[in-house]
């Protein structure tokens, strides 16, 4: 799936204060030159010790321990 303008609308950034957290920024505008990626920002945090809670040896979304927080702007 491609964007109609052919440009990137999401960017993953490393959080320098927390190496286990990544920030995913989105921009919704087309062809405006706005490269801020701050229209919607998700923080994705990996938590140690939550990889295989049920002991089945398989990793699913519940076991991975991903904490997602969203912040939007208008």
PDB file of N, CA and C in Angstrom:
ATOM      1  N   UNK A   1       0.847  -1.179   0.000  1.00  0.00           N
ATOM      2  CA  UNK A   1       0.000   0.000   0.000  1.00  0.00           C
ATOM      3  C   UNK A   1       0.887   1.235   0.000  1.00  0.00           C
ATOM      4  N   UNK A   2       0.657   2.139  -0.933  1.00  0.00           N
ATOM      5  CA  UNK A   2       1.455   3.358  -1.034  1.00  0.00           C
ATOM      6  C   UNK A   2       0.583   4.574  -0.784  1.00  0.00           C
ATOM      7  N   UNK A   3       1.207   5.632  -0.298  1.00  0.00           N
ATOM      8  CA  UNK A   3       0.507   6.895  -0.124  1.00  0.00           C
ATOM      9  C   UNK A   3       0.319   7.553  -1.485  1.00  0.00           C
ATOM     10  N   UNK A   4      -0.774   8.288  -1.683  1.00  0.00           N
ATOM     11  CA  UNK A   4      -1.015   8.925  -2.980  1.00  0.00           C
ATOM     12  C   UNK A   4       0.103   9.882  -3.405  1.00  0.00           C
ATOM     13  N   UNK A   5       0.767  10.513  -2.457  1.00  0.00           N
ATOM     14  CA  UNK A   5       1.832  11.457  -2.818  1.00  0.00           C
ATOM     15  C   UNK A   5       3.204  10.792  -2.888  1.00  0.00           C
ATOM     16  N   UNK A   6       3.290   9.486  -2.576  1.00  0.00           N
ATOM     17  CA  UNK A   6       4.555   8.772  -2.667  1.00  0.00           C
ATOM     18  C   UNK A   6       5.562   9.120  -1.589  1.00  0.00           C
ATOM     19  N   UNK A   7       5.154   9.862  -0.572  1.00  0.00           N
ATOM     20  CA  UNK A   7       6.073  10.272   0.494  1.00  0.00           C
ATOM     21  C   UNK A   7       5.812   9.470   1.764  1.00  0.00           C
ATOM     22  N   UNK A   8       6.806   9.457   2.637  1.00  0.00           N
ATOM     23  CA  UNK A   8       6.658   8.777   3.923  1.00  0.00           C
ATOM     24  C   UNK A   8       5.739   9.591   4.830  1.00  0.00           C
ATOM     25  N   UNK A   9       4.880   8.890   5.543  1.00  0.00           N
ATOM     26  CA  UNK A   9       3.984   9.546   6.489  1.00  0.00           C
ATOM     27  C   UNK A   9       4.169   9.017   7.902  1.00  0.00           C
ATOM     28  N   UNK A  10       5.197   8.191   8.113  1.00  0.00           N
ATOM     29  CA  UNK A  10       5.505   7.675   9.447  1.00  0.00           C
ATOM     30  C   UNK A  10       7.014   7.597   9.602  1.00  0.00           C
ATOM     31  N   UNK A  11       7.454   7.769  10.838  1.00  0.00           N
ATOM     32  CA  UNK A  11       8.883   7.716  11.127  1.00  0.00           C
ATOM     33  C   UNK A  11       9.072   7.121  12.518  1.00  0.00           C
ATOM     34  N   UNK A  12      10.035   6.202  12.656  1.00  0.00           N
ATOM     35  CA  UNK A  12      10.350   5.587  13.940  1.00  0.00           C
ATOM     36  C   UNK A  12      11.593   6.260  14.499  1.00  0.00           C
ATOM     37  N   UNK A  13      11.490   6.709  15.739  1.00  0.00           N
ATOM     38  CA  UNK A  13      12.598   7.385  16.406  1.00  0.00           C
ATOM     39  C   UNK A  13      12.960   6.650  17.678  1.00  0.00           C
ATOM     40  N   UNK A  14      14.241   6.602  17.989  1.00  0.00           N
ATOM     41  CA  UNK A  14      14.697   6.020  19.248  1.00  0.00           C
ATOM     42  C   UNK A  14      14.558   7.067  20.342  1.00  0.00           C
ATOM     43  N   UNK A  15      14.080   6.660  21.483  1.00  0.00           N
ATOM     44  CA  UNK A  15      13.979   7.549  22.634  1.00  0.00           C
ATOM     45  C   UNK A  15      15.321   7.514  23.358  1.00  0.00           C
ATOM     46  N   UNK A  16      16.072   8.592  23.321  1.00  0.00           N
ATOM     47  CA  UNK A  16      17.409   8.622  23.913  1.00  0.00           C
ATOM     48  C   UNK A  16      17.370   8.551  25.439  1.00  0.00           C
ATOM     49  N   UNK A  17      16.242   8.917  26.046  1.00  0.00           N
ATOM     50  CA  UNK A  17      16.112   8.831  27.504  1.00  0.00           C
ATOM     51  C   UNK A  17      15.770   7.423  27.971  1.00  0.00           C
ATOM     52  N   UNK A  18      15.178   6.615  27.091  1.00  0.00           N
ATOM     53  CA  UNK A  18      14.769   5.259  27.438  1.00  0.00           C
ATOM     54  C   UNK A  18      15.034   4.357  26.234  1.00  0.00           C
ATOM     55  N   UNK A  19      16.139   3.593  26.231  1.00  0.00           N
ATOM     56  CA  UNK A  19      16.474   2.770  25.067  1.00  0.00           C
ATOM     57  C   UNK A  19      15.477   1.649  24.782  1.00  0.00           C
ATOM     58  N   UNK A  20      14.567   1.356  25.703  1.00  0.00           N
ATOM     59  CA  UNK A  20      13.543   0.339  25.479  1.00  0.00           C
ATOM     60  C   UNK A  20      12.256   0.933  24.913  1.00  0.00           C
ATOM     61  N   UNK A  21      12.254   2.239  24.624  1.00  0.00           N
ATOM     62  CA  UNK A  21      11.063   2.898  24.099  1.00  0.00           C
ATOM     63  C   UNK A  21      11.369   3.502  22.732  1.00  0.00           C
ATOM     64  N   UNK A  22      10.472   3.273  21.815  1.00  0.00           N
ATOM     65  CA  UNK A  22      10.577   3.859  20.485  1.00  0.00           C
ATOM     66  C   UNK A  22       9.370   4.749  20.257  1.00  0.00           C
ATOM     67  N   UNK A  23       9.549   5.824  19.536  1.00  0.00           N
ATOM     68  CA  UNK A  23       8.471   6.741  19.203  1.00  0.00           C
ATOM     69  C   UNK A  23       8.160   6.588  17.719  1.00  0.00           C
ATOM     70  N   UNK A  24       6.886   6.480  17.395  1.00  0.00           N
ATOM     71  CA  UNK A  24       6.454   6.366  16.008  1.00  0.00           C
ATOM     72  C   UNK A  24       5.586   7.578  15.721  1.00  0.00           C
ATOM     73  N   UNK A  25       6.080   8.461  14.868  1.00  0.00           N
ATOM     74  CA  UNK A  25       5.365   9.690  14.539  1.00  0.00           C
ATOM     75  C   UNK A  25       4.724   9.596  13.168  1.00  0.00           C
ATOM     76  N   UNK A  26       3.528  10.163  13.044  1.00  0.00           N
ATOM     77  CA  UNK A  26       2.792  10.168  11.782  1.00  0.00           C
ATOM     78  C   UNK A  26       2.476  11.599  11.380  1.00  0.00           C
ATOM     79  N   UNK A  27       2.460  11.836  10.086  1.00  0.00           N
ATOM     80  CA  UNK A  27       1.977  13.115   9.565  1.00  0.00           C
ATOM     81  C   UNK A  27       0.855  12.808   8.588  1.00  0.00           C
ATOM     82  N   UNK A  28      -0.165  13.638   8.574  1.00  0.00           N
ATOM     83  CA  UNK A  28      -1.328  13.345   7.736  1.00  0.00           C
ATOM     84  C   UNK A  28      -1.437  14.251   6.519  1.00  0.00           C
ATOM     85  N   UNK A  29      -0.588  15.239   6.410  1.00  0.00           N
ATOM     86  CA  UNK A  29      -0.712  16.199   5.323  1.00  0.00           C
ATOM     87  C   UNK A  29       0.042  15.729   4.083  1.00  0.00           C
ATOM     88  N   UNK A  30      -0.453  16.116   2.932  1.00  0.00           N
ATOM     89  CA  UNK A  30       0.168  15.771   1.655  1.00  0.00           C
ATOM     90  C   UNK A  30       0.849  16.994   1.056  1.00  0.00           C
ATOM     91  N   UNK A  31       2.053  16.797   0.554  1.00  0.00           N
ATOM     92  CA  UNK A  31       2.781  17.781  -0.241  1.00  0.00           C
ATOM     93  C   UNK A  31       2.863  19.160   0.408  1.00  0.00           C
ATOM     94  N   UNK A  32       3.053  19.224   1.716  1.00  0.00           N
ATOM     95  CA  UNK A  32       3.165  20.529   2.376  1.00  0.00           C
ATOM     96  C   UNK A  32       4.581  20.813   2.837  1.00  0.00           C
ATOM     97  N   UNK A  33       5.467  19.828   2.774  1.00  0.00           N
ATOM     98  CA  UNK A  33       6.825  20.025   3.260  1.00  0.00           C
ATOM     99  C   UNK A  33       6.937  19.874   4.764  1.00  0.00           C
ATOM    100  N   UNK A  34       5.824  19.551   5.444  1.00  0.00           N
ATOM    101  CA  UNK A  34       5.842  19.359   6.893  1.00  0.00           C
ATOM    102  C   UNK A  34       6.451  18.000   7.198  1.00  0.00           C
ATOM    103  N   UNK A  35       7.665  17.994   7.696  1.00  0.00           N
ATOM    104  CA  UNK A  35       8.362  16.744   8.010  1.00  0.00           C
ATOM    105  C   UNK A  35       8.433  16.514   9.518  1.00  0.00           C
ATOM    106  N   UNK A  36       7.499  17.066  10.277  1.00  0.00           N
ATOM    107  CA  UNK A  36       7.560  16.985  11.739  1.00  0.00           C
ATOM    108  C   UNK A  36       7.070  15.654  12.294  1.00  0.00           C
ATOM    109  N   UNK A  37       6.223  14.954  11.601  1.00  0.00           N
ATOM    110  CA  UNK A  37       5.693  13.657  12.058  1.00  0.00           C
ATOM    111  C   UNK A  37       5.102  13.744  13.467  1.00  0.00           C
ATOM    112  N   UNK A  38       4.357  14.807  13.738  1.00  0.00           N
ATOM    113  CA  UNK A  38       3.797  14.978  15.075  1.00  0.00           C
ATOM    114  C   UNK A  38       2.273  15.068  15.084  1.00  0.00           C
ATOM    115  N   UNK A  39       1.616  14.667  14.007  1.00  0.00           N
ATOM    116  CA  UNK A  39       0.154  14.671  14.002  1.00  0.00           C
ATOM    117  C   UNK A  39      -0.397  13.580  14.913  1.00  0.00           C
ATOM    118  N   UNK A  40       0.285  12.461  14.971  1.00  0.00           N
ATOM    119  CA  UNK A  40      -0.014  11.388  15.920  1.00  0.00           C
ATOM    120  C   UNK A  40       1.308  10.744  16.294  1.00  0.00           C
ATOM    121  N   UNK A  41       1.573  10.610  17.582  1.00  0.00           N
ATOM    122  CA  UNK A  41       2.816   9.995  18.052  1.00  0.00           C
ATOM    123  C   UNK A  41       2.459   8.835  18.972  1.00  0.00           C
ATOM    124  N   UNK A  42       2.983   7.655  18.654  1.00  0.00           N
ATOM    125  CA  UNK A  42       2.818   6.479  19.506  1.00  0.00           C
ATOM    126  C   UNK A  42       4.143   6.189  20.176  1.00  0.00           C
ATOM    127  N   UNK A  43       4.098   5.862  21.449  1.00  0.00           N
ATOM    128  CA  UNK A  43       5.311   5.382  22.113  1.00  0.00           C
ATOM    129  C   UNK A  43       5.147   3.890  22.324  1.00  0.00           C
ATOM    130  N   UNK A  44       6.172   3.151  21.973  1.00  0.00           N
ATOM    131  CA  UNK A  44       6.162   1.701  22.070  1.00  0.00           C
ATOM    132  C   UNK A  44       7.269   1.316  23.028  1.00  0.00           C
ATOM    133  N   UNK A  45       6.921   0.693  24.142  1.00  0.00           N
ATOM    134  CA  UNK A  45       7.903   0.371  25.173  1.00  0.00           C
ATOM    135  C   UNK A  45       7.953  -1.134  25.395  1.00  0.00           C
ATOM    136  N   UNK A  46       9.152  -1.688  25.347  1.00  0.00           N
ATOM    137  CA  UNK A  46       9.353  -3.105  25.632  1.00  0.00           C
ATOM    138  C   UNK A  46       9.679  -3.254  27.107  1.00  0.00           C
ATOM    139  N   UNK A  47       9.007  -4.156  27.771  1.00  0.00           N
ATOM    140  CA  UNK A  47       9.208  -4.358  29.204  1.00  0.00           C
ATOM    141  C   UNK A  47       9.893  -5.689  29.447  1.00  0.00           C
ATOM    142  N   UNK A  48      10.970  -5.684  30.198  1.00  0.00           N
ATOM    143  CA  UNK A  48      11.723  -6.900  30.512  1.00  0.00           C
ATOM    144  C   UNK A  48      10.885  -7.827  31.381  1.00  0.00           C
ATOM    145  N   UNK A  49      10.992  -9.127  31.115  1.00  0.00           N
ATOM    146  CA  UNK A  49      10.311 -10.114  31.936  1.00  0.00           C
ATOM    147  C   UNK A  49       8.894 -10.422  31.510  1.00  0.00           C
ATOM    148  N   UNK A  50       8.408  -9.808  30.449  1.00  0.00           N
ATOM    149  CA  UNK A  50       7.040 -10.053  30.008  1.00  0.00           C
ATOM    150  C   UNK A  50       6.981 -10.821  28.692  1.00  0.00           C
ATOM    151  N   UNK A  51       8.076 -11.465  28.323  1.00  0.00           N
ATOM    152  CA  UNK A  51       8.136 -12.093  27.009  1.00  0.00           C
ATOM    153  C   UNK A  51       7.289 -13.358  26.891  1.00  0.00           C
ATOM    154  N   UNK A  52       7.267 -14.209  27.885  1.00  0.00           N
ATOM    155  CA  UNK A  52       6.523 -15.463  27.783  1.00  0.00           C
ATOM    156  C   UNK A  52       5.816 -15.724  29.109  1.00  0.00           C
ATOM    157  N   UNK A  53       4.765 -14.995  29.353  1.00  0.00           N
ATOM    158  CA  UNK A  53       4.071 -15.080  30.641  1.00  0.00           C
ATOM    159  C   UNK A  53       3.385 -16.423  30.869  1.00  0.00           C
ATOM    160  N   UNK A  54       2.858 -17.033  29.824  1.00  0.00           N
ATOM    161  CA  UNK A  54       2.112 -18.275  30.032  1.00  0.00           C
ATOM    162  C   UNK A  54       2.975 -19.521  29.874  1.00  0.00           C
ATOM    163  N   UNK A  55       4.282 -19.365  29.569  1.00  0.00           N
ATOM    164  CA  UNK A  55       5.199 -20.493  29.524  1.00  0.00           C
ATOM    165  C   UNK A  55       5.023 -21.443  28.361  1.00  0.00           C
ATOM    166  N   UNK A  56       4.287 -21.031  27.319  1.00  0.00           N
ATOM    167  CA  UNK A  56       4.077 -21.936  26.192  1.00  0.00           C
ATOM    168  C   UNK A  56       5.202 -21.883  25.158  1.00  0.00           C
ATOM    169  N   UNK A  57       6.193 -21.029  25.369  1.00  0.00           N
ATOM    170  CA  UNK A  57       7.312 -20.930  24.436  1.00  0.00           C
ATOM    171  C   UNK A  57       7.004 -20.145  23.181  1.00  0.00           C
ATOM    172  N   UNK A  58       5.787 -19.618  23.067  1.00  0.00           N
ATOM    173  CA  UNK A  58       5.390 -18.818  21.908  1.00  0.00           C
ATOM    174  C   UNK A  58       5.211 -17.371  22.349  1.00  0.00           C
ATOM    175  N   UNK A  59       5.499 -16.472  21.451  1.00  0.00           N
ATOM    176  CA  UNK A  59       5.373 -15.047  21.759  1.00  0.00           C
ATOM    177  C   UNK A  59       4.194 -14.464  20.993  1.00  0.00           C
ATOM    178  N   UNK A  60       3.220 -13.970  21.717  1.00  0.00           N
ATOM    179  CA  UNK A  60       2.109 -13.287  21.081  1.00  0.00           C
ATOM    180  C   UNK A  60       2.029 -11.878  21.653  1.00  0.00           C
ATOM    181  N   UNK A  61       1.111 -11.086  21.173  1.00  0.00           N
ATOM    182  CA  UNK A  61       1.047  -9.681  21.597  1.00  0.00           C
ATOM    183  C   UNK A  61       0.907  -9.551  23.114  1.00  0.00           C
ATOM    184  N   UNK A  62       0.175 -10.436  23.743  1.00  0.00           N
ATOM    185  CA  UNK A  62       0.007 -10.354  25.195  1.00  0.00           C
ATOM    186  C   UNK A  62       1.319 -10.658  25.900  1.00  0.00           C
ATOM    187  N   UNK A  63       2.062 -11.639  25.388  1.00  0.00           N
ATOM    188  CA  UNK A  63       3.315 -12.034  26.023  1.00  0.00           C
ATOM    189  C   UNK A  63       4.451 -11.049  25.778  1.00  0.00           C
ATOM    190  N   UNK A  64       4.440 -10.363  24.641  1.00  0.00           N
ATOM    191  CA  UNK A  64       5.560  -9.493  24.282  1.00  0.00           C
ATOM    192  C   UNK A  64       5.708  -8.336  25.264  1.00  0.00           C
ATOM    193  N   UNK A  65       4.632  -7.865  25.827  1.00  0.00           N
ATOM    194  CA  UNK A  65       4.729  -6.789  26.805  1.00  0.00           C
ATOM    195  C   UNK A  65       4.939  -5.432  26.173  1.00  0.00           C
ATOM    196  N   UNK A  66       4.228  -5.176  25.100  1.00  0.00           N
ATOM    197  CA  UNK A  66       4.332  -3.876  24.444  1.00  0.00           C
ATOM    198  C   UNK A  66       3.318  -2.938  25.083  1.00  0.00           C
ATOM    199  N   UNK A  67       3.802  -1.796  25.499  1.00  0.00           N
ATOM    200  CA  UNK A  67       2.943  -0.761  26.058  1.00  0.00           C
ATOM    201  C   UNK A  67       2.846   0.343  25.010  1.00  0.00           C
ATOM    202  N   UNK A  68       1.642   0.651  24.547  1.00  0.00           N
ATOM    203  CA  UNK A  68       1.465   1.669  23.516  1.00  0.00           C
ATOM    204  C   UNK A  68       0.694   2.841  24.097  1.00  0.00           C
ATOM    205  N   UNK A  69       1.214   4.031  23.881  1.00  0.00           N
ATOM    206  CA  UNK A  69       0.535   5.258  24.282  1.00  0.00           C
ATOM    207  C   UNK A  69       0.449   6.149  23.059  1.00  0.00           C
ATOM    208  N   UNK A  70      -0.673   6.833  22.874  1.00  0.00           N
ATOM    209  CA  UNK A  70      -0.850   7.690  21.700  1.00  0.00           C
ATOM    210  C   UNK A  70      -1.094   9.124  22.136  1.00  0.00           C
ATOM    211  N   UNK A  71      -0.496  10.028  21.393  1.00  0.00           N
ATOM    212  CA  UNK A  71      -0.670  11.459  21.627  1.00  0.00           C
ATOM    213  C   UNK A  71      -0.966  12.104  20.286  1.00  0.00           C
ATOM    214  N   UNK A  72      -2.079  12.794  20.156  1.00  0.00           N
ATOM    215  CA  UNK A  72      -2.439  13.425  18.889  1.00  0.00           C
ATOM    216  C   UNK A  72      -2.479  14.931  19.001  1.00  0.00           C
ATOM    217  N   UNK A  73      -2.311  15.583  17.863  1.00  0.00           N
ATOM    218  CA  UNK A  73      -2.426  17.035  17.790  1.00  0.00           C
ATOM    219  C   UNK A  73      -3.393  17.373  16.676  1.00  0.00           C
ATOM    220  N   UNK A  74      -3.921  18.579  16.717  1.00  0.00           N
ATOM    221  CA  UNK A  74      -4.827  19.028  15.645  1.00  0.00           C
ATOM    222  C   UNK A  74      -4.087  19.941  14.712  1.00  0.00           C
TER     223      UNK A  74
END
